[in-house]
Amino acid sequence: MRGERSDIFTDTGGWTRVRASEDEWQLNVLRAALIHAEIPFKRIKSGGKTEICVPIEYAMEAELARMRVEEALNRSKDDGENAPELSVPPPPPPPMDAPVQTIVSDPSLGEIVHIEHYGYELRVGPEPFYAVLEKEWEEFLDISAQRREFAILLEKEYERLYAHLRGAKRFPQFVRMVEAVYKGDDAADNPSDFLRAAGWTAAAVAVIAFLAALVRWIGS
């Protein structure tokens, strides 16, 4: 029987087990971390558990990813945050071969990337990063425009990210980065802002001209 158990990996080209668990939520977090680290993996059902396996040559990188995930989960547990009881379950991990495009980036904070046919990953704060599915993205952007409501959303459903932003005093900076998704990086390039500025300039010129004429009339 022991020899049969070893053949599960040798028969598939040299795979090694990283984690075996019945907890699908924790396995999904680990899968997301492996995807982010570009480590190939596969799932194997074994009894009542699911095993996450990687090629032997990626064993070291996968072990480091697993340790980071467990550290993050333990830290959340110590802070009184029970991740499996989130009001909204974590989204499934994106497909490994999905095209990824950076939408907005802040060198001192992080970036937001679009994963085609999946959603948006918020690459800010500690890993594993949070993702927002395509169907939920517009609502996420709408809420971001309301600072208080956005803070409540992050605190309830993106706990690690919220704790990082508050601890580093980066919440306003993160809000601006999210707003840049639909406002653009340079507010001066917004046509409505340009027209508004032009209107104020024209009004100021008119006031100055009126005052100059009034001074000349008084002096005559």
N, C-alpha and C. Protein backbone atom coordinates (compact mmCIF):
# COMPACT_ATOMS: atom_id res chain seq x y z
N MET A 1 0.82 -1.21 0.00
CA MET A 1 0.00 0.00 0.00
C MET A 1 0.87 1.27 0.00
N ARG A 2 1.98 1.19 0.74
CA ARG A 2 2.85 2.35 0.79
C ARG A 2 3.42 2.67 -0.59
N GLY A 3 3.78 1.63 -1.35
CA GLY A 3 4.29 1.85 -2.69
C GLY A 3 3.26 2.46 -3.60
N GLU A 4 2.00 2.06 -3.47
CA GLU A 4 0.92 2.64 -4.30
C GLU A 4 0.78 4.12 -4.00
N ARG A 5 0.89 4.50 -2.74
CA ARG A 5 0.72 5.92 -2.37
C ARG A 5 1.80 6.78 -3.04
N SER A 6 3.03 6.28 -3.11
CA SER A 6 4.11 7.06 -3.72
C SER A 6 3.91 7.22 -5.21
N ASP A 7 3.28 6.21 -5.86
CA ASP A 7 3.10 6.25 -7.30
C ASP A 7 2.17 7.37 -7.74
N ILE A 8 1.33 7.88 -6.85
CA ILE A 8 0.43 8.97 -7.23
C ILE A 8 1.22 10.12 -7.82
N PHE A 9 2.40 10.40 -7.28
CA PHE A 9 3.20 11.53 -7.73
C PHE A 9 4.17 11.14 -8.86
N THR A 10 4.81 9.97 -8.73
CA THR A 10 5.77 9.58 -9.76
C THR A 10 5.09 9.34 -11.09
N ASP A 11 3.85 8.86 -11.05
CA ASP A 11 3.14 8.58 -12.29
C ASP A 11 2.71 9.85 -13.00
N THR A 12 2.69 10.99 -12.33
CA THR A 12 2.26 12.24 -12.95
C THR A 12 3.44 13.15 -13.27
N GLY A 13 4.65 12.60 -13.25
CA GLY A 13 5.80 13.38 -13.69
C GLY A 13 6.57 14.06 -12.60
N GLY A 14 6.50 13.59 -11.37
CA GLY A 14 7.29 14.18 -10.30
C GLY A 14 6.60 15.31 -9.58
N TRP A 15 5.44 15.05 -8.98
CA TRP A 15 4.71 16.06 -8.22
C TRP A 15 4.91 15.80 -6.73
N THR A 16 4.85 16.86 -5.94
CA THR A 16 4.96 16.72 -4.49
C THR A 16 3.84 17.49 -3.82
N ARG A 17 3.39 16.98 -2.68
CA ARG A 17 2.26 17.59 -2.00
C ARG A 17 2.71 18.79 -1.17
N VAL A 18 1.95 19.88 -1.29
CA VAL A 18 2.21 21.09 -0.49
C VAL A 18 1.28 21.15 0.71
N ARG A 19 0.03 20.80 0.49
CA ARG A 19 -0.96 20.91 1.56
C ARG A 19 -2.11 19.95 1.27
N ALA A 20 -2.64 19.33 2.32
CA ALA A 20 -3.83 18.50 2.22
C ALA A 20 -4.80 18.95 3.30
N SER A 21 -6.04 19.21 2.92
CA SER A 21 -6.99 19.74 3.90
C SER A 21 -8.41 19.50 3.41
N GLU A 22 -9.34 19.54 4.36
CA GLU A 22 -10.77 19.50 4.03
C GLU A 22 -11.35 20.90 3.95
N ASP A 23 -10.53 21.89 4.33
CA ASP A 23 -10.99 23.29 4.37
C ASP A 23 -10.78 23.92 2.99
N GLU A 24 -11.85 24.02 2.20
CA GLU A 24 -11.75 24.55 0.84
C GLU A 24 -11.37 26.02 0.84
N TRP A 25 -11.81 26.75 1.85
CA TRP A 25 -11.49 28.19 1.89
C TRP A 25 -9.98 28.39 2.00
N GLN A 26 -9.34 27.67 2.92
CA GLN A 26 -7.90 27.82 3.09
C GLN A 26 -7.15 27.32 1.85
N LEU A 27 -7.65 26.25 1.23
CA LEU A 27 -7.01 25.76 0.01
C LEU A 27 -7.11 26.78 -1.11
N ASN A 28 -8.24 27.49 -1.20
CA ASN A 28 -8.40 28.53 -2.22
C ASN A 28 -7.42 29.67 -1.99
N VAL A 29 -7.18 30.02 -0.73
CA VAL A 29 -6.20 31.06 -0.43
C VAL A 29 -4.81 30.63 -0.88
N LEU A 30 -4.47 29.37 -0.61
CA LEU A 30 -3.17 28.85 -1.03
C LEU A 30 -3.06 28.81 -2.55
N ARG A 31 -4.13 28.40 -3.23
CA ARG A 31 -4.12 28.37 -4.70
C ARG A 31 -3.91 29.77 -5.26
N ALA A 32 -4.55 30.76 -4.66
CA ALA A 32 -4.38 32.14 -5.12
C ALA A 32 -2.93 32.59 -4.96
N ALA A 33 -2.30 32.18 -3.85
CA ALA A 33 -0.90 32.55 -3.62
C ALA A 33 0.01 31.87 -4.64
N LEU A 34 -0.27 30.61 -4.98
CA LEU A 34 0.54 29.90 -5.97
C LEU A 34 0.38 30.52 -7.36
N ILE A 35 -0.84 30.93 -7.68
CA ILE A 35 -1.09 31.58 -8.97
C ILE A 35 -0.32 32.89 -9.04
N HIS A 36 -0.37 33.67 -7.95
CA HIS A 36 0.34 34.95 -7.94
C HIS A 36 1.85 34.74 -8.10
N ALA A 37 2.37 33.66 -7.51
CA ALA A 37 3.81 33.37 -7.61
C ALA A 37 4.15 32.62 -8.90
N GLU A 38 3.14 32.39 -9.75
CA GLU A 38 3.32 31.70 -11.03
C GLU A 38 3.91 30.30 -10.83
N ILE A 39 3.39 29.59 -9.83
CA ILE A 39 3.81 28.22 -9.55
C ILE A 39 2.71 27.28 -10.05
N PRO A 40 3.00 26.38 -10.98
CA PRO A 40 1.99 25.44 -11.46
C PRO A 40 1.59 24.47 -10.35
N PHE A 41 0.32 24.06 -10.35
CA PHE A 41 -0.15 23.14 -9.33
C PHE A 41 -1.35 22.36 -9.86
N LYS A 42 -1.74 21.36 -9.12
CA LYS A 42 -2.96 20.62 -9.45
C LYS A 42 -3.58 20.12 -8.15
N ARG A 43 -4.87 19.82 -8.24
CA ARG A 43 -5.60 19.32 -7.08
C ARG A 43 -5.83 17.82 -7.24
N ILE A 44 -5.69 17.10 -6.14
CA ILE A 44 -5.93 15.66 -6.13
C ILE A 44 -6.86 15.35 -4.96
N LYS A 45 -7.97 14.68 -5.25
CA LYS A 45 -8.88 14.25 -4.20
C LYS A 45 -8.33 12.96 -3.58
N SER A 46 -8.21 12.96 -2.27
CA SER A 46 -7.70 11.79 -1.57
C SER A 46 -8.56 11.57 -0.33
N GLY A 47 -9.48 10.60 -0.40
CA GLY A 47 -10.40 10.39 0.70
C GLY A 47 -11.33 11.59 0.84
N GLY A 48 -11.39 12.12 2.04
CA GLY A 48 -12.23 13.30 2.24
C GLY A 48 -11.47 14.59 2.13
N LYS A 49 -10.19 14.52 1.77
CA LYS A 49 -9.37 15.71 1.69
C LYS A 49 -9.01 16.05 0.24
N THR A 50 -8.59 17.29 0.06
CA THR A 50 -8.07 17.74 -1.23
C THR A 50 -6.59 18.07 -1.06
N GLU A 51 -5.76 17.56 -1.94
CA GLU A 51 -4.33 17.81 -1.90
C GLU A 51 -3.95 18.82 -2.98
N ILE A 52 -3.11 19.77 -2.61
CA ILE A 52 -2.52 20.70 -3.57
C ILE A 52 -1.10 20.23 -3.84
N CYS A 53 -0.80 19.91 -5.10
CA CYS A 53 0.50 19.37 -5.47
C CYS A 53 1.17 20.27 -6.50
N VAL A 54 2.50 20.34 -6.42
CA VAL A 54 3.28 21.14 -7.36
C VAL A 54 4.41 20.27 -7.91
N PRO A 55 4.96 20.62 -9.08
CA PRO A 55 6.14 19.89 -9.57
C PRO A 55 7.28 19.99 -8.57
N ILE A 56 8.07 18.93 -8.48
CA ILE A 56 9.14 18.86 -7.49
C ILE A 56 10.09 20.05 -7.58
N GLU A 57 10.36 20.52 -8.82
CA GLU A 57 11.31 21.63 -8.96
C GLU A 57 10.79 22.94 -8.37
N TYR A 58 9.47 23.00 -8.08
CA TYR A 58 8.88 24.21 -7.48
C TYR A 58 8.62 24.01 -5.98
N ALA A 59 9.13 22.93 -5.41
CA ALA A 59 8.80 22.59 -4.02
C ALA A 59 9.20 23.69 -3.05
N MET A 60 10.39 24.26 -3.20
CA MET A 60 10.86 25.28 -2.27
C MET A 60 10.00 26.54 -2.34
N GLU A 61 9.72 27.01 -3.58
CA GLU A 61 8.89 28.22 -3.73
C GLU A 61 7.49 27.99 -3.19
N ALA A 62 6.95 26.79 -3.43
CA ALA A 62 5.59 26.48 -2.95
C ALA A 62 5.55 26.43 -1.43
N GLU A 63 6.60 25.90 -0.82
CA GLU A 63 6.64 25.83 0.64
C GLU A 63 6.69 27.23 1.25
N LEU A 64 7.44 28.13 0.62
CA LEU A 64 7.49 29.52 1.11
C LEU A 64 6.12 30.18 0.98
N ALA A 65 5.44 29.93 -0.14
CA ALA A 65 4.09 30.48 -0.34
C ALA A 65 3.14 29.94 0.72
N ARG A 66 3.23 28.63 1.00
CA ARG A 66 2.37 28.02 2.02
C ARG A 66 2.62 28.64 3.39
N MET A 67 3.88 28.88 3.72
CA MET A 67 4.21 29.46 5.02
C MET A 67 3.68 30.88 5.14
N ARG A 68 3.76 31.65 4.04
CA ARG A 68 3.22 33.03 4.07
C ARG A 68 1.71 33.01 4.25
N VAL A 69 1.04 32.09 3.57
CA VAL A 69 -0.42 31.99 3.69
C VAL A 69 -0.81 31.63 5.12
N GLU A 70 -0.14 30.63 5.70
CA GLU A 70 -0.48 30.21 7.06
C GLU A 70 -0.18 31.31 8.07
N GLU A 71 0.89 32.05 7.84
CA GLU A 71 1.21 33.17 8.73
C GLU A 71 0.11 34.23 8.67
N ALA A 72 -0.35 34.53 7.45
CA ALA A 72 -1.41 35.53 7.30
C ALA A 72 -2.70 35.05 7.94
N LEU A 73 -3.04 33.78 7.76
CA LEU A 73 -4.27 33.23 8.34
C LEU A 73 -4.18 33.21 9.87
N ASN A 74 -3.03 32.84 10.39
CA ASN A 74 -2.86 32.82 11.85
C ASN A 74 -2.93 34.22 12.43
N ARG A 75 -2.35 35.18 11.70
CA ARG A 75 -2.39 36.57 12.18
C ARG A 75 -3.83 37.08 12.22
N SER A 76 -4.61 36.73 11.20
CA SER A 76 -6.01 37.13 11.18
C SER A 76 -6.77 36.49 12.34
N LYS A 77 -6.45 35.22 12.61
CA LYS A 77 -7.12 34.52 13.70
C LYS A 77 -6.77 35.14 15.04
N ASP A 78 -5.51 35.51 15.22
CA ASP A 78 -5.07 36.14 16.47
C ASP A 78 -5.73 37.49 16.68
N ASP A 79 -6.06 38.16 15.58
CA ASP A 79 -6.72 39.47 15.68
C ASP A 79 -8.22 39.34 15.85
N GLY A 80 -8.69 38.11 15.98
CA GLY A 80 -10.12 37.91 16.18
C GLY A 80 -10.91 37.88 14.91
N GLU A 81 -10.24 37.73 13.79
CA GLU A 81 -10.93 37.72 12.51
C GLU A 81 -11.01 36.28 12.02
N ASN A 82 -12.20 35.73 11.97
CA ASN A 82 -12.41 34.35 11.53
C ASN A 82 -12.77 34.38 10.06
N ALA A 83 -11.78 34.20 9.18
CA ALA A 83 -11.98 34.38 7.75
C ALA A 83 -13.12 33.56 7.16
N PRO A 84 -13.34 32.27 7.56
CA PRO A 84 -14.42 31.51 6.93
C PRO A 84 -15.79 32.06 7.20
N GLU A 85 -15.93 33.01 8.18
CA GLU A 85 -17.23 33.56 8.48
C GLU A 85 -17.47 34.91 7.83
N LEU A 86 -16.68 35.24 6.81
CA LEU A 86 -16.88 36.49 6.09
C LEU A 86 -18.27 36.51 5.48
N SER A 87 -18.86 37.72 5.43
CA SER A 87 -20.20 37.83 4.86
C SER A 87 -20.21 37.48 3.38
N VAL A 88 -19.09 37.72 2.70
CA VAL A 88 -18.97 37.36 1.29
C VAL A 88 -17.81 36.40 1.14
N PRO A 89 -18.04 35.18 0.64
CA PRO A 89 -16.94 34.21 0.52
C PRO A 89 -15.91 34.69 -0.49
N PRO A 90 -14.65 34.26 -0.34
CA PRO A 90 -13.62 34.69 -1.29
C PRO A 90 -13.91 34.15 -2.67
N PRO A 91 -13.57 34.92 -3.72
CA PRO A 91 -13.82 34.43 -5.08
C PRO A 91 -12.91 33.27 -5.41
N PRO A 92 -13.29 32.44 -6.36
CA PRO A 92 -12.40 31.35 -6.77
C PRO A 92 -11.15 31.94 -7.43
N PRO A 93 -10.04 31.21 -7.40
CA PRO A 93 -8.81 31.73 -8.02
C PRO A 93 -8.97 31.85 -9.52
N PRO A 94 -8.28 32.81 -10.15
CA PRO A 94 -8.38 32.99 -11.60
C PRO A 94 -7.67 31.86 -12.34
N PRO A 95 -8.03 31.63 -13.61
CA PRO A 95 -7.30 30.64 -14.41
C PRO A 95 -5.85 31.03 -14.57
N MET A 96 -4.96 30.05 -14.60
CA MET A 96 -3.52 30.33 -14.62
C MET A 96 -3.08 31.04 -15.89
N ASP A 97 -3.75 30.79 -17.02
CA ASP A 97 -3.30 31.34 -18.29
C ASP A 97 -4.06 32.61 -18.68
N ALA A 98 -4.80 33.20 -17.75
CA ALA A 98 -5.57 34.40 -18.07
C ALA A 98 -4.65 35.60 -18.27
N PRO A 99 -4.86 36.40 -19.33
CA PRO A 99 -4.05 37.61 -19.54
C PRO A 99 -4.24 38.61 -18.40
N VAL A 100 -3.15 39.25 -17.98
CA VAL A 100 -3.19 40.21 -16.87
C VAL A 100 -2.70 41.56 -17.36
N GLN A 101 -3.45 42.62 -17.02
CA GLN A 101 -3.08 43.98 -17.43
C GLN A 101 -3.14 44.91 -16.23
N THR A 102 -2.09 45.70 -16.03
CA THR A 102 -2.07 46.67 -14.94
C THR A 102 -2.98 47.84 -15.29
N ILE A 103 -3.94 48.14 -14.41
CA ILE A 103 -4.89 49.22 -14.64
C ILE A 103 -4.39 50.53 -14.06
N VAL A 104 -3.89 50.46 -12.83
CA VAL A 104 -3.36 51.66 -12.18
C VAL A 104 -2.27 51.21 -11.21
N SER A 105 -1.24 52.03 -11.06
CA SER A 105 -0.12 51.65 -10.22
C SER A 105 0.36 52.84 -9.41
N ASP A 106 0.72 52.58 -8.16
CA ASP A 106 1.31 53.58 -7.29
C ASP A 106 2.58 52.94 -6.72
N PRO A 107 3.77 53.41 -7.11
CA PRO A 107 5.01 52.76 -6.69
C PRO A 107 5.16 52.61 -5.18
N SER A 108 4.59 53.52 -4.42
CA SER A 108 4.75 53.47 -2.97
C SER A 108 3.63 52.68 -2.29
N LEU A 109 2.66 52.19 -3.05
CA LEU A 109 1.51 51.51 -2.45
C LEU A 109 1.26 50.13 -3.05
N GLY A 110 1.22 50.06 -4.37
CA GLY A 110 0.91 48.80 -5.04
C GLY A 110 0.24 49.05 -6.37
N GLU A 111 -0.58 48.10 -6.81
CA GLU A 111 -1.23 48.25 -8.10
C GLU A 111 -2.54 47.48 -8.13
N ILE A 112 -3.36 47.83 -9.12
CA ILE A 112 -4.60 47.10 -9.40
C ILE A 112 -4.48 46.55 -10.81
N VAL A 113 -4.68 45.25 -10.95
CA VAL A 113 -4.55 44.61 -12.26
C VAL A 113 -5.88 44.01 -12.67
N HIS A 114 -6.10 43.95 -13.98
CA HIS A 114 -7.29 43.30 -14.53
C HIS A 114 -6.90 41.94 -15.05
N ILE A 115 -7.61 40.92 -14.60
CA ILE A 115 -7.40 39.55 -15.06
C ILE A 115 -8.57 39.22 -15.99
N GLU A 116 -8.27 39.03 -17.26
CA GLU A 116 -9.30 38.90 -18.29
C GLU A 116 -10.29 37.78 -17.96
N HIS A 117 -11.58 38.10 -18.16
CA HIS A 117 -12.68 37.16 -17.93
C HIS A 117 -12.76 36.68 -16.48
N TYR A 118 -12.17 37.45 -15.56
CA TYR A 118 -12.21 37.05 -14.15
C TYR A 118 -12.57 38.24 -13.26
N GLY A 119 -11.69 39.24 -13.22
CA GLY A 119 -11.96 40.38 -12.35
C GLY A 119 -10.71 41.21 -12.12
N TYR A 120 -10.63 41.83 -10.96
CA TYR A 120 -9.55 42.76 -10.65
C TYR A 120 -8.88 42.33 -9.34
N GLU A 121 -7.56 42.32 -9.35
CA GLU A 121 -6.81 41.95 -8.15
C GLU A 121 -6.20 43.20 -7.53
N LEU A 122 -6.41 43.36 -6.22
CA LEU A 122 -5.91 44.52 -5.49
C LEU A 122 -4.56 44.14 -4.89
N ARG A 123 -3.50 44.42 -5.61
CA ARG A 123 -2.16 44.01 -5.18
C ARG A 123 -1.57 45.06 -4.24
N VAL A 124 -2.19 45.18 -3.08
CA VAL A 124 -1.79 46.14 -2.06
C VAL A 124 -1.78 45.42 -0.72
N GLY A 125 -0.76 45.68 0.11
CA GLY A 125 -0.73 45.07 1.43
C GLY A 125 -0.20 43.65 1.40
N PRO A 126 -0.46 42.89 2.46
CA PRO A 126 0.08 41.53 2.58
C PRO A 126 -0.61 40.55 1.64
N GLU A 127 0.16 39.56 1.18
CA GLU A 127 -0.42 38.50 0.37
C GLU A 127 -1.09 37.47 1.28
N PRO A 128 -2.03 36.68 0.76
CA PRO A 128 -2.55 36.68 -0.61
C PRO A 128 -3.44 37.89 -0.86
N PHE A 129 -3.36 38.45 -2.07
CA PHE A 129 -4.11 39.65 -2.39
C PHE A 129 -5.60 39.34 -2.57
N TYR A 130 -6.40 40.38 -2.34
CA TYR A 130 -7.84 40.25 -2.57
C TYR A 130 -8.16 40.46 -4.04
N ALA A 131 -9.26 39.84 -4.48
CA ALA A 131 -9.73 40.00 -5.86
C ALA A 131 -11.20 40.41 -5.83
N VAL A 132 -11.59 41.20 -6.82
CA VAL A 132 -12.98 41.61 -7.00
C VAL A 132 -13.44 41.09 -8.36
N LEU A 133 -14.49 40.29 -8.37
CA LEU A 133 -14.96 39.70 -9.62
C LEU A 133 -15.51 40.76 -10.57
N GLU A 134 -15.51 40.44 -11.86
CA GLU A 134 -16.00 41.36 -12.89
C GLU A 134 -17.38 41.91 -12.54
N LYS A 135 -18.30 41.01 -12.16
CA LYS A 135 -19.69 41.41 -11.93
C LYS A 135 -19.84 42.32 -10.71
N GLU A 136 -18.82 42.36 -9.82
CA GLU A 136 -18.90 43.17 -8.61
C GLU A 136 -18.07 44.45 -8.70
N TRP A 137 -17.32 44.60 -9.81
CA TRP A 137 -16.36 45.70 -9.90
C TRP A 137 -17.03 47.07 -9.95
N GLU A 138 -18.08 47.22 -10.73
CA GLU A 138 -18.74 48.53 -10.83
C GLU A 138 -19.28 48.98 -9.48
N GLU A 139 -19.86 48.04 -8.74
CA GLU A 139 -20.37 48.39 -7.41
C GLU A 139 -19.22 48.78 -6.48
N PHE A 140 -18.09 48.07 -6.60
CA PHE A 140 -16.91 48.39 -5.79
C PHE A 140 -16.45 49.82 -6.07
N LEU A 141 -16.42 50.20 -7.36
CA LEU A 141 -16.01 51.56 -7.73
C LEU A 141 -17.01 52.59 -7.23
N ASP A 142 -18.31 52.28 -7.33
CA ASP A 142 -19.33 53.22 -6.86
C ASP A 142 -19.18 53.48 -5.36
N ILE A 143 -18.95 52.42 -4.60
CA ILE A 143 -18.81 52.58 -3.16
C ILE A 143 -17.54 53.36 -2.82
N SER A 144 -16.49 53.22 -3.64
CA SER A 144 -15.24 53.91 -3.35
C SER A 144 -15.40 55.42 -3.35
N ALA A 145 -16.42 55.93 -4.04
CA ALA A 145 -16.66 57.38 -4.08
C ALA A 145 -17.24 57.90 -2.77
N GLN A 146 -17.74 56.99 -1.92
CA GLN A 146 -18.29 57.37 -0.62
C GLN A 146 -17.30 56.89 0.45
N ARG A 147 -16.50 57.81 0.98
CA ARG A 147 -15.38 57.42 1.84
C ARG A 147 -15.83 56.57 3.03
N ARG A 148 -16.87 56.98 3.71
CA ARG A 148 -17.29 56.25 4.92
C ARG A 148 -17.78 54.86 4.56
N GLU A 149 -18.63 54.77 3.53
CA GLU A 149 -19.16 53.48 3.11
C GLU A 149 -18.03 52.56 2.60
N PHE A 150 -17.05 53.17 1.93
CA PHE A 150 -15.93 52.38 1.40
C PHE A 150 -15.09 51.82 2.55
N ALA A 151 -14.88 52.63 3.58
CA ALA A 151 -14.12 52.17 4.74
C ALA A 151 -14.84 51.01 5.43
N ILE A 152 -16.16 51.09 5.52
CA ILE A 152 -16.95 50.02 6.14
C ILE A 152 -16.85 48.75 5.32
N LEU A 153 -16.92 48.89 3.98
CA LEU A 153 -16.81 47.73 3.10
C LEU A 153 -15.47 47.03 3.28
N LEU A 154 -14.38 47.81 3.28
CA LEU A 154 -13.05 47.23 3.43
C LEU A 154 -12.88 46.57 4.79
N GLU A 155 -13.39 47.22 5.82
CA GLU A 155 -13.24 46.69 7.17
C GLU A 155 -13.95 45.35 7.33
N LYS A 156 -15.11 45.19 6.67
CA LYS A 156 -15.90 43.97 6.84
C LYS A 156 -15.48 42.85 5.90
N GLU A 157 -15.09 43.19 4.66
CA GLU A 157 -14.87 42.15 3.66
C GLU A 157 -13.44 42.06 3.16
N TYR A 158 -12.60 43.02 3.52
CA TYR A 158 -11.20 43.00 3.09
C TYR A 158 -10.33 43.32 4.31
N GLU A 159 -10.48 42.49 5.35
CA GLU A 159 -9.92 42.84 6.67
C GLU A 159 -8.41 43.08 6.66
N ARG A 160 -7.66 42.17 6.05
CA ARG A 160 -6.20 42.33 6.06
C ARG A 160 -5.77 43.58 5.32
N LEU A 161 -6.41 43.85 4.19
CA LEU A 161 -6.10 45.06 3.42
C LEU A 161 -6.45 46.30 4.23
N TYR A 162 -7.61 46.30 4.87
CA TYR A 162 -8.03 47.46 5.66
C TYR A 162 -7.07 47.71 6.82
N ALA A 163 -6.69 46.61 7.51
CA ALA A 163 -5.76 46.76 8.64
C ALA A 163 -4.42 47.32 8.18
N HIS A 164 -3.97 46.87 7.02
CA HIS A 164 -2.70 47.37 6.48
C HIS A 164 -2.80 48.86 6.15
N LEU A 165 -3.88 49.25 5.49
CA LEU A 165 -4.03 50.65 5.08
C LEU A 165 -4.14 51.57 6.29
N ARG A 166 -4.89 51.15 7.30
CA ARG A 166 -5.04 51.97 8.50
C ARG A 166 -3.73 52.02 9.28
N GLY A 167 -3.08 50.87 9.40
CA GLY A 167 -1.82 50.84 10.15
C GLY A 167 -0.74 51.70 9.51
N ALA A 168 -0.71 51.71 8.17
CA ALA A 168 0.29 52.49 7.45
C ALA A 168 -0.20 53.89 7.11
N LYS A 169 -1.43 54.21 7.52
CA LYS A 169 -2.05 55.50 7.23
C LYS A 169 -2.09 55.76 5.72
N ARG A 170 -2.52 54.73 4.98
CA ARG A 170 -2.54 54.82 3.52
C ARG A 170 -3.97 54.74 2.96
N PHE A 171 -4.98 54.80 3.81
CA PHE A 171 -6.35 54.66 3.30
C PHE A 171 -6.69 55.73 2.26
N PRO A 172 -6.43 57.04 2.53
CA PRO A 172 -6.73 58.06 1.50
C PRO A 172 -5.96 57.81 0.20
N GLN A 173 -4.72 57.35 0.32
CA GLN A 173 -3.91 57.08 -0.87
C GLN A 173 -4.50 55.92 -1.68
N PHE A 174 -5.02 54.91 -0.99
CA PHE A 174 -5.64 53.78 -1.67
C PHE A 174 -6.93 54.22 -2.37
N VAL A 175 -7.69 55.08 -1.70
CA VAL A 175 -8.93 55.59 -2.30
C VAL A 175 -8.61 56.34 -3.59
N ARG A 176 -7.57 57.16 -3.56
CA ARG A 176 -7.19 57.91 -4.76
C ARG A 176 -6.75 56.96 -5.87
N MET A 177 -6.07 55.88 -5.51
CA MET A 177 -5.64 54.93 -6.54
C MET A 177 -6.84 54.25 -7.18
N VAL A 178 -7.84 53.88 -6.36
CA VAL A 178 -9.05 53.26 -6.91
C VAL A 178 -9.80 54.27 -7.80
N GLU A 179 -9.89 55.51 -7.34
CA GLU A 179 -10.57 56.54 -8.13
C GLU A 179 -9.87 56.79 -9.46
N ALA A 180 -8.55 56.60 -9.48
CA ALA A 180 -7.79 56.81 -10.72
C ALA A 180 -8.20 55.82 -11.80
N VAL A 181 -8.84 54.71 -11.40
CA VAL A 181 -9.30 53.72 -12.38
C VAL A 181 -10.33 54.35 -13.32
N TYR A 182 -11.23 55.16 -12.75
CA TYR A 182 -12.26 55.77 -13.60
C TYR A 182 -12.07 57.26 -13.82
N LYS A 183 -11.18 57.92 -13.07
CA LYS A 183 -10.93 59.33 -13.28
C LYS A 183 -9.69 59.58 -14.12
N GLY A 184 -8.81 58.59 -14.17
CA GLY A 184 -7.55 58.79 -14.86
C GLY A 184 -6.49 59.25 -13.89
N ASP A 185 -5.23 59.03 -14.23
CA ASP A 185 -4.13 59.39 -13.35
C ASP A 185 -3.97 60.89 -13.19
N ASP A 186 -4.33 61.66 -14.23
CA ASP A 186 -4.14 63.11 -14.19
C ASP A 186 -5.49 63.78 -14.26
N ALA A 187 -5.91 64.36 -13.15
CA ALA A 187 -7.24 65.00 -13.11
C ALA A 187 -7.34 66.15 -14.11
N ALA A 188 -6.19 66.75 -14.47
CA ALA A 188 -6.21 67.88 -15.40
C ALA A 188 -6.64 67.44 -16.79
N ASP A 189 -6.55 66.14 -17.06
CA ASP A 189 -6.93 65.65 -18.37
C ASP A 189 -8.43 65.41 -18.49
N ASN A 190 -9.16 65.56 -17.37
CA ASN A 190 -10.60 65.35 -17.39
C ASN A 190 -11.26 66.54 -18.08
N PRO A 191 -12.03 66.34 -19.17
CA PRO A 191 -12.63 67.46 -19.91
C PRO A 191 -13.51 68.33 -19.04
N SER A 192 -14.29 67.72 -18.15
CA SER A 192 -15.19 68.53 -17.33
C SER A 192 -14.40 69.43 -16.39
N ASP A 193 -13.29 68.89 -15.84
CA ASP A 193 -12.45 69.71 -14.97
C ASP A 193 -11.81 70.85 -15.76
N PHE A 194 -11.41 70.58 -17.01
CA PHE A 194 -10.81 71.63 -17.84
C PHE A 194 -11.81 72.75 -18.12
N LEU A 195 -13.03 72.36 -18.47
CA LEU A 195 -14.05 73.37 -18.76
C LEU A 195 -14.39 74.18 -17.51
N ARG A 196 -14.43 73.49 -16.37
CA ARG A 196 -14.73 74.20 -15.13
C ARG A 196 -13.62 75.22 -14.83
N ALA A 197 -12.37 74.82 -15.03
CA ALA A 197 -11.24 75.73 -14.80
C ALA A 197 -11.28 76.90 -15.78
N ALA A 198 -11.62 76.60 -17.03
CA ALA A 198 -11.70 77.66 -18.03
C ALA A 198 -12.78 78.66 -17.68
N GLY A 199 -13.89 78.16 -17.14
CA GLY A 199 -14.98 79.05 -16.74
C GLY A 199 -14.56 80.00 -15.63
N TRP A 200 -13.85 79.45 -14.63
CA TRP A 200 -13.38 80.30 -13.55
C TRP A 200 -12.37 81.32 -14.06
N THR A 201 -11.52 80.94 -15.00
CA THR A 201 -10.54 81.88 -15.56
C THR A 201 -11.24 83.02 -16.28
N ALA A 202 -12.25 82.68 -17.09
CA ALA A 202 -12.99 83.71 -17.83
C ALA A 202 -13.69 84.66 -16.87
N ALA A 203 -14.25 84.09 -15.80
CA ALA A 203 -14.94 84.93 -14.82
C ALA A 203 -13.96 85.87 -14.13
N ALA A 204 -12.78 85.36 -13.81
CA ALA A 204 -11.78 86.20 -13.15
C ALA A 204 -11.33 87.33 -14.05
N VAL A 205 -11.12 87.04 -15.35
CA VAL A 205 -10.73 88.07 -16.31
C VAL A 205 -11.80 89.14 -16.40
N ALA A 206 -13.06 88.71 -16.42
CA ALA A 206 -14.17 89.68 -16.52
C ALA A 206 -14.21 90.59 -15.30
N VAL A 207 -14.00 90.01 -14.10
CA VAL A 207 -14.01 90.81 -12.87
C VAL A 207 -12.89 91.83 -12.88
N ILE A 208 -11.67 91.39 -13.32
CA ILE A 208 -10.53 92.30 -13.37
C ILE A 208 -10.78 93.44 -14.34
N ALA A 209 -11.37 93.11 -15.50
CA ALA A 209 -11.67 94.15 -16.48
C ALA A 209 -12.68 95.14 -15.94
N PHE A 210 -13.69 94.65 -15.23
CA PHE A 210 -14.72 95.52 -14.65
C PHE A 210 -14.11 96.45 -13.62
N LEU A 211 -13.22 95.90 -12.75
CA LEU A 211 -12.59 96.73 -11.73
C LEU A 211 -11.70 97.80 -12.35
N ALA A 212 -10.97 97.44 -13.43
CA ALA A 212 -10.11 98.41 -14.10
C ALA A 212 -10.95 99.54 -14.69
N ALA A 213 -12.07 99.18 -15.31
CA ALA A 213 -12.95 100.21 -15.88
C ALA A 213 -13.53 101.10 -14.80
N LEU A 214 -13.88 100.49 -13.65
CA LEU A 214 -14.46 101.26 -12.55
C LEU A 214 -13.43 102.24 -11.99
N VAL A 215 -12.16 101.81 -11.89
CA VAL A 215 -11.09 102.70 -11.40
C VAL A 215 -10.91 103.89 -12.33
N ARG A 216 -10.91 103.62 -13.66
CA ARG A 216 -10.75 104.70 -14.63
C ARG A 216 -11.93 105.68 -14.55
N TRP A 217 -13.13 105.16 -14.34
CA TRP A 217 -14.34 106.03 -14.28
C TRP A 217 -14.27 106.91 -13.03
N ILE A 218 -13.80 106.33 -11.91
CA ILE A 218 -13.71 107.12 -10.68
C ILE A 218 -12.64 108.20 -10.82
N GLY A 219 -11.55 107.89 -11.51
CA GLY A 219 -10.47 108.85 -11.64
C GLY A 219 -10.73 109.92 -12.69
N SER A 220 -11.74 109.78 -13.51
CA SER A 220 -11.99 110.76 -14.57
C SER A 220 -12.78 111.95 -14.04
